Amino acid sequence: MIRRNSGADSNSLDRRRIKAQCESDLTVPKTQFVFGTRFCIRLSRGLFLRPVIYLCEAFLLPPRNDETDIMTKRLTHILISMLTFILGWYLLSRFGNIPNFILPSPLSVWTRFVKAVNDGSLPYHTGITLSEIVLGLIVGVLFATVVGYALAKSRSLERVLSPYLVASQAIPVVAIAPLLVIWLGDGILSKVVICALIVFFPVLVNTIVGVRAVPTALYDLMNSLHATRAQILWKVEVPASLPVFLGGLRIGATLSVIGAIVGELVSAEQGLGFLLQLGDFQYDTPMVFVAVFMLVTLALMLYGIVTLLEKRFLKWQN
């Protein structure tokens, strides 16, 4: 763009207009924007025509989405690590002289996965295990939250119950799983109870820690405002203890998968644990790999759901 007859007055007027427009458009913090500029060329007056570059327009670019960039980088790293793992697995199975019934190749596992999906066995057994996990997780979290809140509010109750709670964690769930199956039957109830027992303790501890970590100043403020007990609970204690509670829920969500599988391995005729045993008895190692990968997928899915809950309910921390 070339202007031959524009003077200093018009140039200064344009600059003032551009500055006023930029200031009026800046409705958000400057750090979220990138200023863009566009320059023009004019020929100076005088005996010799010489080009002069001056600012003729300034504008604002849209803000960068840092969360999108972080998520893209994270997904890229996950994809690279998965491809590296599959490549190493393929090379080991291809050139390691390992029998297929000991270490199947990725292709054979994928073929077995497609076959199990097509005949409907994998979706059916995955649905059974997922229902046990979800029910056990809900029961364990609710029971742990109620008991944890009661213990956090009563020191005497904690002194009475804490030895039994600690002793219950000293006994492996695998050891009492057969007893639970005998007492509750080999149906879904025993698996849900085993799953809830595994989820219970980490959520319980984090609930106690989270409630006791609420600052005393917040209680004093609510008491000065004559808040009711329910208002203190929902306006102070729940938001303040939520970060610690969700941290325990992360652990409980991943452990719930272990609980369901322990119950199915003890006694079950359906579920991913049943597929694991069936593949073991028939030396169908690709089926065992398929079941294991489905369990990993379920654990990652539950962990991701808790992470999304943290981003949704803990926005105030940022």
C-alpha atoms as a PDB file:
ATOM      1  CA  MET A   1       0.000   0.000   0.000  1.00  0.00           C
ATOM      2  CA  ILE A   2       1.612   3.291  -1.143  1.00  0.00           C
ATOM      3  CA  ARG A   3       0.529   6.745  -0.097  1.00  0.00           C
ATOM      4  CA  ARG A   4       2.171   9.662  -1.863  1.00  0.00           C
ATOM      5  CA  ASN A   5       0.361  12.655  -0.341  1.00  0.00           C
ATOM      6  CA  SER A   6      -0.257  11.784   3.296  1.00  0.00           C
ATOM      7  CA  GLY A   7       1.212  14.308   5.696  1.00  0.00           C
ATOM      8  CA  ALA A   8       2.377  14.260   9.267  1.00  0.00           C
ATOM      9  CA  ASP A   9      -1.010  15.450  10.568  1.00  0.00           C
ATOM     10  CA  SER A  10      -2.927  12.606   9.000  1.00  0.00           C
ATOM     11  CA  ASN A  11      -0.277  10.135  10.182  1.00  0.00           C
ATOM     12  CA  SER A  12      -0.526  11.284  13.796  1.00  0.00           C
ATOM     13  CA  LEU A  13      -4.325  11.256  13.548  1.00  0.00           C
ATOM     14  CA  ASP A  14      -4.267   7.663  12.333  1.00  0.00           C
ATOM     15  CA  ARG A  15      -2.003   6.679  15.189  1.00  0.00           C
ATOM     16  CA  ARG A  16      -4.294   8.291  17.767  1.00  0.00           C
ATOM     17  CA  ARG A  17      -7.310   6.574  16.220  1.00  0.00           C
ATOM     18  CA  ILE A  18      -5.549   3.192  16.243  1.00  0.00           C
ATOM     19  CA  LYS A  19      -4.453   3.635  19.854  1.00  0.00           C
ATOM     20  CA  ALA A  20      -7.974   4.556  20.950  1.00  0.00           C
ATOM     21  CA  GLN A  21      -9.434   1.583  19.099  1.00  0.00           C
ATOM     22  CA  CYS A  22      -6.941  -0.838  20.633  1.00  0.00           C
ATOM     23  CA  GLU A  23      -7.636   0.501  24.135  1.00  0.00           C
ATOM     24  CA  SER A  24     -11.392   0.209  23.630  1.00  0.00           C
ATOM     25  CA  ASP A  25     -11.107  -3.363  22.310  1.00  0.00           C
ATOM     26  CA  LEU A  26      -8.942  -4.514  25.213  1.00  0.00           C
ATOM     27  CA  THR A  27     -11.627  -5.915  27.485  1.00  0.00           C
ATOM     28  CA  VAL A  28      -9.552  -8.805  28.904  1.00  0.00           C
ATOM     29  CA  PRO A  29      -6.085  -8.932  30.482  1.00  0.00           C
ATOM     30  CA  LYS A  30      -3.275  -8.056  28.106  1.00  0.00           C
ATOM     31  CA  THR A  31      -1.375 -11.198  28.903  1.00  0.00           C
ATOM     32  CA  GLN A  32      -4.014 -13.256  27.112  1.00  0.00           C
ATOM     33  CA  PHE A  33      -3.601 -11.411  23.823  1.00  0.00           C
ATOM     34  CA  VAL A  34      -0.962 -11.028  21.139  1.00  0.00           C
ATOM     35  CA  PHE A  35      -0.714  -7.674  19.397  1.00  0.00           C
ATOM     36  CA  GLY A  36      -0.448  -7.828  15.632  1.00  0.00           C
ATOM     37  CA  THR A  37       0.685  -4.899  13.474  1.00  0.00           C
ATOM     38  CA  ARG A  38       0.468  -4.055   9.807  1.00  0.00           C
ATOM     39  CA  PHE A  39       2.855  -1.552   8.274  1.00  0.00           C
ATOM     40  CA  CYS A  40       2.481   0.679   5.201  1.00  0.00           C
ATOM     41  CA  ILE A  41       4.999   2.464   2.992  1.00  0.00           C
ATOM     42  CA  ARG A  42       4.831   6.038   1.846  1.00  0.00           C
ATOM     43  CA  LEU A  43       7.225   8.195  -0.163  1.00  0.00           C
ATOM     44  CA  SER A  44       8.710  11.147   1.681  1.00  0.00           C
ATOM     45  CA  ARG A  45       8.517  14.642   0.282  1.00  0.00           C
ATOM     46  CA  GLY A  46      11.581  16.452  -0.937  1.00  0.00           C
ATOM     47  CA  LEU A  47      14.083  16.321  -3.685  1.00  0.00           C
ATOM     48  CA  PHE A  48      14.720  12.621  -3.279  1.00  0.00           C
ATOM     49  CA  LEU A  49      11.899  10.155  -2.957  1.00  0.00           C
ATOM     50  CA  ARG A  50      12.721   7.809  -0.149  1.00  0.00           C
ATOM     51  CA  PRO A  51      10.333   5.159   1.286  1.00  0.00           C
ATOM     52  CA  VAL A  52       9.259   5.560   4.895  1.00  0.00           C
ATOM     53  CA  ILE A  53       7.602   2.728   6.822  1.00  0.00           C
ATOM     54  CA  TYR A  54       4.959   3.705   9.338  1.00  0.00           C
ATOM     55  CA  LEU A  55       2.292   1.933  11.385  1.00  0.00           C
ATOM     56  CA  CYS A  56      -1.080   2.026   9.666  1.00  0.00           C
ATOM     57  CA  GLU A  57      -2.995  -0.607  11.604  1.00  0.00           C
ATOM     58  CA  ALA A  58      -2.819  -2.563  14.847  1.00  0.00           C
ATOM     59  CA  PHE A  59      -5.068  -5.397  15.841  1.00  0.00           C
ATOM     60  CA  LEU A  60      -5.533  -8.084  18.489  1.00  0.00           C
ATOM     61  CA  LEU A  61      -5.146 -11.750  17.832  1.00  0.00           C
ATOM     62  CA  PRO A  62      -7.392 -14.220  19.672  1.00  0.00           C
ATOM     63  CA  PRO A  63      -5.941 -15.627  22.901  1.00  0.00           C
ATOM     64  CA  ARG A  64      -4.060 -18.888  22.903  1.00  0.00           C
ATOM     65  CA  ASN A  65      -5.723 -21.823  24.560  1.00  0.00           C
ATOM     66  CA  ASP A  66      -3.010 -23.087  26.891  1.00  0.00           C
ATOM     67  CA  GLU A  67      -5.154 -25.994  28.136  1.00  0.00           C
ATOM     68  CA  THR A  68      -5.565 -27.219  24.569  1.00  0.00           C
ATOM     69  CA  ASP A  69      -1.806 -27.038  24.007  1.00  0.00           C
ATOM     70  CA  ILE A  70      -1.116 -28.946  27.216  1.00  0.00           C
ATOM     71  CA  MET A  71      -3.696 -31.601  26.332  1.00  0.00           C
ATOM     72  CA  THR A  72      -2.259 -31.947  22.827  1.00  0.00           C
ATOM     73  CA  LYS A  73       1.258 -32.426  24.178  1.00  0.00           C
ATOM     74  CA  ARG A  74       0.024 -34.939  26.735  1.00  0.00           C
ATOM     75  CA  LEU A  75      -1.851 -36.969  24.134  1.00  0.00           C
ATOM     76  CA  THR A  76       1.187 -36.845  21.864  1.00  0.00           C
ATOM     77  CA  HIS A  77       3.417 -38.230  24.619  1.00  0.00           C
ATOM     78  CA  ILE A  78       0.899 -40.971  25.416  1.00  0.00           C
ATOM     79  CA  LEU A  79       0.632 -41.928  21.746  1.00  0.00           C
ATOM     80  CA  ILE A  80       4.411 -42.060  21.340  1.00  0.00           C
ATOM     81  CA  SER A  81       4.824 -44.200  24.468  1.00  0.00           C
ATOM     82  CA  MET A  82       2.091 -46.603  23.308  1.00  0.00           C
ATOM     83  CA  LEU A  83       3.633 -46.959  19.860  1.00  0.00           C
ATOM     84  CA  THR A  84       7.046 -47.551  21.444  1.00  0.00           C
ATOM     85  CA  PHE A  85       5.584 -50.219  23.725  1.00  0.00           C
ATOM     86  CA  ILE A  86       3.812 -51.996  20.852  1.00  0.00           C
ATOM     87  CA  LEU A  87       6.931 -51.848  18.684  1.00  0.00           C
ATOM     88  CA  GLY A  88       9.098 -53.327  21.444  1.00  0.00           C
ATOM     89  CA  TRP A  89       6.485 -55.992  22.107  1.00  0.00           C
ATOM     90  CA  TYR A  90       6.368 -56.906  18.426  1.00  0.00           C
ATOM     91  CA  LEU A  91      10.152 -57.112  18.104  1.00  0.00           C
ATOM     92  CA  LEU A  92      10.401 -59.269  21.229  1.00  0.00           C
ATOM     93  CA  SER A  93       7.716 -61.689  20.049  1.00  0.00           C
ATOM     94  CA  ARG A  94       9.067 -61.729  16.493  1.00  0.00           C
ATOM     95  CA  PHE A  95      12.787 -62.147  17.106  1.00  0.00           C
ATOM     96  CA  GLY A  96      12.898 -63.427  20.702  1.00  0.00           C
ATOM     97  CA  ASN A  97      12.101 -67.061  19.826  1.00  0.00           C
ATOM     98  CA  ILE A  98       9.290 -67.061  22.399  1.00  0.00           C
ATOM     99  CA  PRO A  99       6.336 -69.429  21.820  1.00  0.00           C
ATOM    100  CA  ASN A 100       3.024 -67.811  21.020  1.00  0.00           C
ATOM    101  CA  PHE A 101       1.267 -69.393  24.008  1.00  0.00           C
ATOM    102  CA  ILE A 102       3.761 -67.631  26.299  1.00  0.00           C
ATOM    103  CA  LEU A 103       4.035 -64.227  24.594  1.00  0.00           C
ATOM    104  CA  PRO A 104       1.628 -63.709  21.699  1.00  0.00           C
ATOM    105  CA  SER A 105       2.316 -61.044  19.112  1.00  0.00           C
ATOM    106  CA  PRO A 106       0.294 -57.813  19.022  1.00  0.00           C
ATOM    107  CA  LEU A 107      -1.363 -59.001  15.810  1.00  0.00           C
ATOM    108  CA  SER A 108      -2.611 -62.233  17.390  1.00  0.00           C
ATOM    109  CA  VAL A 109      -3.953 -60.317  20.398  1.00  0.00           C
ATOM    110  CA  TRP A 110      -5.731 -57.883  18.084  1.00  0.00           C
ATOM    111  CA  THR A 111      -7.200 -60.772  16.086  1.00  0.00           C
ATOM    112  CA  ARG A 112      -8.466 -62.385  19.286  1.00  0.00           C
ATOM    113  CA  PHE A 113      -9.920 -59.068  20.413  1.00  0.00           C
ATOM    114  CA  VAL A 114     -11.848 -58.629  17.164  1.00  0.00           C
ATOM    115  CA  LYS A 115     -13.144 -62.199  17.402  1.00  0.00           C
ATOM    116  CA  ALA A 116     -14.304 -61.704  21.010  1.00  0.00           C
ATOM    117  CA  VAL A 117     -16.063 -58.473  20.064  1.00  0.00           C
ATOM    118  CA  ASN A 118     -17.789 -60.019  17.057  1.00  0.00           C
ATOM    119  CA  ASP A 119     -19.139 -63.025  18.958  1.00  0.00           C
ATOM    120  CA  GLY A 120     -20.369 -60.745  21.772  1.00  0.00           C
ATOM    121  CA  SER A 121     -18.458 -62.433  24.588  1.00  0.00           C
ATOM    122  CA  LEU A 122     -16.146 -59.522  25.346  1.00  0.00           C
ATOM    123  CA  PRO A 123     -18.840 -56.794  25.550  1.00  0.00           C
ATOM    124  CA  TYR A 124     -21.024 -59.043  27.714  1.00  0.00           C
ATOM    125  CA  HIS A 125     -18.317 -59.968  30.239  1.00  0.00           C
ATOM    126  CA  THR A 126     -16.960 -56.404  30.265  1.00  0.00           C
ATOM    127  CA  GLY A 127     -20.428 -55.098  31.101  1.00  0.00           C
ATOM    128  CA  ILE A 128     -20.715 -57.534  34.006  1.00  0.00           C
ATOM    129  CA  THR A 129     -17.370 -56.496  35.452  1.00  0.00           C
ATOM    130  CA  LEU A 130     -18.105 -52.802  34.924  1.00  0.00           C
ATOM    131  CA  SER A 131     -21.414 -53.085  36.766  1.00  0.00           C
ATOM    132  CA  GLU A 132     -19.665 -54.757  39.706  1.00  0.00           C
ATOM    133  CA  ILE A 133     -16.998 -52.049  39.738  1.00  0.00           C
ATOM    134  CA  VAL A 134     -19.457 -49.168  39.598  1.00  0.00           C
ATOM    135  CA  LEU A 135     -21.750 -50.592  42.284  1.00  0.00           C
ATOM    136  CA  GLY A 136     -18.827 -51.460  44.562  1.00  0.00           C
ATOM    137  CA  LEU A 137     -17.296 -48.028  44.038  1.00  0.00           C
ATOM    138  CA  ILE A 138     -20.542 -46.235  44.865  1.00  0.00           C
ATOM    139  CA  VAL A 139     -21.195 -48.325  47.984  1.00  0.00           C
ATOM    140  CA  GLY A 140     -17.602 -48.041  49.202  1.00  0.00           C
ATOM    141  CA  VAL A 141     -17.388 -44.283  48.622  1.00  0.00           C
ATOM    142  CA  LEU A 142     -20.725 -43.543  50.310  1.00  0.00           C
ATOM    143  CA  PHE A 143     -19.982 -45.704  53.345  1.00  0.00           C
ATOM    144  CA  ALA A 144     -16.411 -44.352  53.656  1.00  0.00           C
ATOM    145  CA  THR A 145     -17.605 -40.752  53.373  1.00  0.00           C
ATOM    146  CA  VAL A 146     -20.229 -41.133  56.102  1.00  0.00           C
ATOM    147  CA  VAL A 147     -17.917 -42.997  58.484  1.00  0.00           C
ATOM    148  CA  GLY A 148     -14.989 -40.678  57.708  1.00  0.00           C
ATOM    149  CA  TYR A 149     -17.030 -37.565  58.435  1.00  0.00           C
ATOM    150  CA  ALA A 150     -18.234 -39.049  61.713  1.00  0.00           C
ATOM    151  CA  LEU A 151     -14.683 -39.948  62.738  1.00  0.00           C
ATOM    152  CA  ALA A 152     -13.394 -36.514  61.757  1.00  0.00           C
ATOM    153  CA  LYS A 153     -15.978 -34.853  63.996  1.00  0.00           C
ATOM    154  CA  SER A 154     -15.602 -37.198  66.976  1.00  0.00           C
ATOM    155  CA  ARG A 155     -12.187 -37.956  68.425  1.00  0.00           C
ATOM    156  CA  SER A 156     -13.645 -40.441  70.898  1.00  0.00           C
ATOM    157  CA  LEU A 157     -15.358 -42.362  68.107  1.00  0.00           C
ATOM    158  CA  GLU A 158     -12.089 -42.440  66.203  1.00  0.00           C
ATOM    159  CA  ARG A 159     -10.240 -43.877  69.192  1.00  0.00           C
ATOM    160  CA  VAL A 160     -12.837 -46.641  69.462  1.00  0.00           C
ATOM    161  CA  LEU A 161     -13.057 -47.608  65.774  1.00  0.00           C
ATOM    162  CA  SER A 162      -9.574 -46.879  64.428  1.00  0.00           C
ATOM    163  CA  PRO A 163      -7.975 -50.121  65.764  1.00  0.00           C
ATOM    164  CA  TYR A 164     -10.613 -52.191  63.986  1.00  0.00           C
ATOM    165  CA  LEU A 165     -10.266 -50.197  60.774  1.00  0.00           C
ATOM    166  CA  VAL A 166      -6.495 -50.581  60.751  1.00  0.00           C
ATOM    167  CA  ALA A 167      -6.771 -54.283  61.561  1.00  0.00           C
ATOM    168  CA  SER A 168      -9.187 -54.758  58.678  1.00  0.00           C
ATOM    169  CA  GLN A 169      -6.541 -53.447  56.304  1.00  0.00           C
ATOM    170  CA  ALA A 170      -3.954 -55.836  57.679  1.00  0.00           C
ATOM    171  CA  ILE A 171      -5.990 -58.769  56.352  1.00  0.00           C
ATOM    172  CA  PRO A 172      -5.612 -59.223  52.589  1.00  0.00           C
ATOM    173  CA  VAL A 173      -8.889 -59.118  50.708  1.00  0.00           C
ATOM    174  CA  VAL A 174      -7.796 -62.210  48.795  1.00  0.00           C
ATOM    175  CA  ALA A 175      -7.785 -64.122  52.088  1.00  0.00           C
ATOM    176  CA  ILE A 176     -11.346 -63.189  53.062  1.00  0.00           C
ATOM    177  CA  ALA A 177     -12.781 -63.270  49.528  1.00  0.00           C
ATOM    178  CA  PRO A 178     -13.616 -67.020  49.740  1.00  0.00           C
ATOM    179  CA  LEU A 179     -15.445 -66.400  53.027  1.00  0.00           C
ATOM    180  CA  LEU A 180     -17.459 -63.589  51.489  1.00  0.00           C
ATOM    181  CA  VAL A 181     -18.385 -65.833  48.570  1.00  0.00           C
ATOM    182  CA  ILE A 182     -19.519 -68.548  50.991  1.00  0.00           C
ATOM    183  CA  TRP A 183     -21.527 -66.096  53.095  1.00  0.00           C
ATOM    184  CA  LEU A 184     -23.009 -63.980  50.268  1.00  0.00           C
ATOM    185  CA  GLY A 185     -23.095 -66.478  47.422  1.00  0.00           C
ATOM    186  CA  ASP A 186     -21.259 -66.478  44.117  1.00  0.00           C
ATOM    187  CA  GLY A 187     -23.509 -63.815  42.568  1.00  0.00           C
ATOM    188  CA  ILE A 188     -22.852 -60.145  42.021  1.00  0.00           C
ATOM    189  CA  LEU A 189     -23.372 -59.249  45.705  1.00  0.00           C
ATOM    190  CA  SER A 190     -20.114 -60.827  46.889  1.00  0.00           C
ATOM    191  CA  LYS A 191     -18.128 -59.045  44.143  1.00  0.00           C
ATOM    192  CA  VAL A 192     -19.690 -55.698  45.025  1.00  0.00           C
ATOM    193  CA  VAL A 193     -18.855 -56.166  48.710  1.00  0.00           C
ATOM    194  CA  ILE A 194     -15.248 -57.146  47.952  1.00  0.00           C
ATOM    195  CA  CYS A 195     -14.909 -54.133  45.670  1.00  0.00           C
ATOM    196  CA  ALA A 196     -16.406 -51.829  48.316  1.00  0.00           C
ATOM    197  CA  LEU A 197     -14.008 -53.142  50.977  1.00  0.00           C
ATOM    198  CA  ILE A 198     -10.989 -52.282  48.830  1.00  0.00           C
ATOM    199  CA  VAL A 199     -12.328 -48.827  48.017  1.00  0.00           C
ATOM    200  CA  PHE A 200     -13.348 -48.071  51.605  1.00  0.00           C
ATOM    201  CA  PHE A 201     -10.077 -47.372  53.397  1.00  0.00           C
ATOM    202  CA  PRO A 202      -8.337 -44.842  51.076  1.00  0.00           C
ATOM    203  CA  VAL A 203     -11.528 -42.813  50.722  1.00  0.00           C
ATOM    204  CA  LEU A 204     -12.075 -43.001  54.498  1.00  0.00           C
ATOM    205  CA  VAL A 205      -8.610 -41.663  55.317  1.00  0.00           C
ATOM    206  CA  ASN A 206      -8.814 -38.846  52.794  1.00  0.00           C
ATOM    207  CA  THR A 207     -12.246 -37.844  54.067  1.00  0.00           C
ATOM    208  CA  ILE A 208     -10.945 -37.576  57.625  1.00  0.00           C
ATOM    209  CA  VAL A 209      -7.891 -35.595  56.549  1.00  0.00           C
ATOM    210  CA  GLY A 210      -9.914 -33.305  54.290  1.00  0.00           C
ATOM    211  CA  VAL A 211     -12.549 -32.438  56.908  1.00  0.00           C
ATOM    212  CA  ARG A 212      -9.953 -31.796  59.610  1.00  0.00           C
ATOM    213  CA  ALA A 213      -7.946 -29.591  57.250  1.00  0.00           C
ATOM    214  CA  VAL A 214     -10.727 -26.987  57.068  1.00  0.00           C
ATOM    215  CA  PRO A 215      -9.336 -23.744  58.571  1.00  0.00           C
ATOM    216  CA  THR A 216     -10.774 -22.721  61.922  1.00  0.00           C
ATOM    217  CA  ALA A 217     -11.215 -19.184  60.652  1.00  0.00           C
ATOM    218  CA  LEU A 218     -13.902 -20.388  58.253  1.00  0.00           C
ATOM    219  CA  TYR A 219     -15.857 -21.934  61.107  1.00  0.00           C
ATOM    220  CA  ASP A 220     -15.554 -18.700  63.081  1.00  0.00           C
ATOM    221  CA  LEU A 221     -16.813 -16.730  60.092  1.00  0.00           C
ATOM    222  CA  MET A 222     -19.838 -18.977  59.584  1.00  0.00           C
ATOM    223  CA  ASN A 223     -20.655 -18.904  63.309  1.00  0.00           C
ATOM    224  CA  SER A 224     -20.504 -15.116  63.299  1.00  0.00           C
ATOM    225  CA  LEU A 225     -23.037 -15.159  60.457  1.00  0.00           C
ATOM    226  CA  HIS A 226     -25.277 -17.509  62.500  1.00  0.00           C
ATOM    227  CA  ALA A 227     -25.067 -20.226  59.858  1.00  0.00           C
ATOM    228  CA  THR A 228     -26.863 -23.492  60.447  1.00  0.00           C
ATOM    229  CA  ARG A 229     -25.110 -26.849  60.649  1.00  0.00           C
ATOM    230  CA  ALA A 230     -26.247 -27.740  57.142  1.00  0.00           C
ATOM    231  CA  GLN A 231     -24.959 -24.433  55.767  1.00  0.00           C
ATOM    232  CA  ILE A 232     -21.561 -24.982  57.365  1.00  0.00           C
ATOM    233  CA  LEU A 233     -21.450 -28.464  55.860  1.00  0.00           C
ATOM    234  CA  TRP A 234     -22.301 -27.475  52.276  1.00  0.00           C
ATOM    235  CA  LYS A 235     -20.743 -24.007  52.179  1.00  0.00           C
ATOM    236  CA  VAL A 236     -17.494 -24.664  54.058  1.00  0.00           C
ATOM    237  CA  GLU A 237     -16.660 -28.260  54.830  1.00  0.00           C
ATOM    238  CA  VAL A 238     -17.556 -29.843  51.487  1.00  0.00           C
ATOM    239  CA  PRO A 239     -15.711 -27.302  49.258  1.00  0.00           C
ATOM    240  CA  ALA A 240     -12.683 -27.122  51.550  1.00  0.00           C
ATOM    241  CA  SER A 241     -12.275 -30.897  51.869  1.00  0.00           C
ATOM    242  CA  LEU A 242     -13.138 -31.702  48.266  1.00  0.00           C
ATOM    243  CA  PRO A 243      -9.530 -31.605  46.901  1.00  0.00           C
ATOM    244  CA  VAL A 244      -8.323 -34.173  49.446  1.00  0.00           C
ATOM    245  CA  PHE A 245     -11.454 -36.272  49.032  1.00  0.00           C
ATOM    246  CA  LEU A 246     -11.082 -36.445  45.249  1.00  0.00           C
ATOM    247  CA  GLY A 247      -7.466 -37.487  45.698  1.00  0.00           C
ATOM    248  CA  GLY A 248      -8.663 -40.489  47.679  1.00  0.00           C
ATOM    249  CA  LEU A 249     -11.353 -41.135  45.096  1.00  0.00           C
ATOM    250  CA  ARG A 250      -8.655 -41.404  42.428  1.00  0.00           C
ATOM    251  CA  ILE A 251      -7.012 -44.199  44.381  1.00  0.00           C
ATOM    252  CA  GLY A 252     -10.312 -45.882  45.158  1.00  0.00           C
ATOM    253  CA  ALA A 253     -11.453 -45.781  41.532  1.00  0.00           C
ATOM    254  CA  THR A 254      -8.389 -47.669  40.346  1.00  0.00           C
ATOM    255  CA  LEU A 255      -8.473 -50.134  43.252  1.00  0.00           C
ATOM    256  CA  SER A 256     -12.122 -50.941  42.573  1.00  0.00           C
ATOM    257  CA  VAL A 257     -11.061 -52.820  39.441  1.00  0.00           C
ATOM    258  CA  ILE A 258      -8.839 -55.046  41.557  1.00  0.00           C
ATOM    259  CA  GLY A 259     -11.686 -55.782  43.942  1.00  0.00           C
ATOM    260  CA  ALA A 260     -14.040 -56.901  41.197  1.00  0.00           C
ATOM    261  CA  ILE A 261     -11.413 -59.158  39.625  1.00  0.00           C
ATOM    262  CA  VAL A 262     -10.496 -60.734  42.975  1.00  0.00           C
ATOM    263  CA  GLY A 263     -14.131 -61.674  43.510  1.00  0.00           C
ATOM    264  CA  GLU A 264     -14.479 -63.069  39.993  1.00  0.00           C
ATOM    265  CA  LEU A 265     -11.291 -65.107  40.277  1.00  0.00           C
ATOM    266  CA  VAL A 266     -12.555 -66.732  43.482  1.00  0.00           C
ATOM    267  CA  SER A 267     -15.888 -67.792  42.041  1.00  0.00           C
ATOM    268  CA  ALA A 268     -17.585 -66.536  38.901  1.00  0.00           C
ATOM    269  CA  GLU A 269     -19.070 -67.759  35.664  1.00  0.00           C
ATOM    270  CA  GLN A 270     -19.108 -64.373  33.985  1.00  0.00           C
ATOM    271  CA  GLY A 271     -16.988 -61.253  33.884  1.00  0.00           C
ATOM    272  CA  LEU A 272     -13.455 -60.453  32.796  1.00  0.00           C
ATOM    273  CA  GLY A 273     -12.074 -62.528  35.661  1.00  0.00           C
ATOM    274  CA  PHE A 274     -13.910 -65.519  34.227  1.00  0.00           C
ATOM    275  CA  LEU A 275     -12.321 -64.805  30.812  1.00  0.00           C
ATOM    276  CA  LEU A 276      -8.902 -64.686  32.483  1.00  0.00           C
ATOM    277  CA  GLN A 277      -9.432 -68.096  34.044  1.00  0.00           C
ATOM    278  CA  LEU A 278     -10.894 -69.510  30.846  1.00  0.00           C
ATOM    279  CA  GLY A 279      -7.927 -68.321  28.804  1.00  0.00           C
ATOM    280  CA  ASP A 280      -5.544 -69.712  31.401  1.00  0.00           C
ATOM    281  CA  PHE A 281      -7.154 -73.157  31.428  1.00  0.00           C
ATOM    282  CA  GLN A 282      -7.276 -73.350  27.623  1.00  0.00           C
ATOM    283  CA  TYR A 283      -3.804 -71.868  27.074  1.00  0.00           C
ATOM    284  CA  ASP A 284      -5.512 -69.100  25.136  1.00  0.00           C
ATOM    285  CA  THR A 285      -2.882 -66.500  25.995  1.00  0.00           C
ATOM    286  CA  PRO A 286      -4.180 -63.872  23.525  1.00  0.00           C
ATOM    287  CA  MET A 287      -7.531 -63.992  25.349  1.00  0.00           C
ATOM    288  CA  VAL A 288      -5.736 -63.388  28.645  1.00  0.00           C
ATOM    289  CA  PHE A 289      -4.017 -60.355  27.134  1.00  0.00           C
ATOM    290  CA  VAL A 290      -7.340 -59.053  25.825  1.00  0.00           C
ATOM    291  CA  ALA A 291      -8.943 -59.341  29.268  1.00  0.00           C
ATOM    292  CA  VAL A 292      -5.965 -57.653  30.946  1.00  0.00           C
ATOM    293  CA  PHE A 293      -6.032 -54.771  28.480  1.00  0.00           C
ATOM    294  CA  MET A 294      -9.762 -54.332  29.051  1.00  0.00           C
ATOM    295  CA  LEU A 295      -9.145 -54.113  32.797  1.00  0.00           C
ATOM    296  CA  VAL A 296      -6.479 -51.486  32.210  1.00  0.00           C
ATOM    297  CA  THR A 297      -8.899 -49.586  29.994  1.00  0.00           C
ATOM    298  CA  LEU A 298     -11.597 -49.646  32.686  1.00  0.00           C
ATOM    299  CA  ALA A 299      -9.140 -48.408  35.319  1.00  0.00           C
ATOM    300  CA  LEU A 300      -7.957 -45.574  33.063  1.00  0.00           C
ATOM    301  CA  MET A 301     -11.547 -44.645  32.263  1.00  0.00           C
ATOM    302  CA  LEU A 302     -12.500 -44.393  35.933  1.00  0.00           C
ATOM    303  CA  TYR A 303      -9.339 -42.432  36.699  1.00  0.00           C
ATOM    304  CA  GLY A 304     -10.127 -40.043  33.851  1.00  0.00           C
ATOM    305  CA  ILE A 305     -13.677 -39.515  35.103  1.00  0.00           C
ATOM    306  CA  VAL A 306     -12.373 -38.542  38.548  1.00  0.00           C
ATOM    307  CA  THR A 307      -9.877 -36.183  36.904  1.00  0.00           C
ATOM    308  CA  LEU A 308     -12.711 -34.513  34.983  1.00  0.00           C
ATOM    309  CA  LEU A 309     -14.640 -34.165  38.228  1.00  0.00           C
ATOM    310  CA  GLU A 310     -11.658 -32.424  39.781  1.00  0.00           C
ATOM    311  CA  LYS A 311     -11.462 -29.956  36.890  1.00  0.00           C
ATOM    312  CA  ARG A 312     -15.201 -29.350  37.139  1.00  0.00           C
ATOM    313  CA  PHE A 313     -15.535 -28.845  40.900  1.00  0.00           C
ATOM    314  CA  LEU A 314     -12.101 -27.377  41.710  1.00  0.00           C
ATOM    315  CA  LYS A 315     -12.093 -24.472  39.281  1.00  0.00           C
ATOM    316  CA  TRP A 316     -12.008 -22.086  42.230  1.00  0.00           C
ATOM    317  CA  GLN A 317      -8.460 -23.231  43.045  1.00  0.00           C
ATOM    318  CA  ASN A 318      -7.182 -21.582  39.865  1.00  0.00           C
END
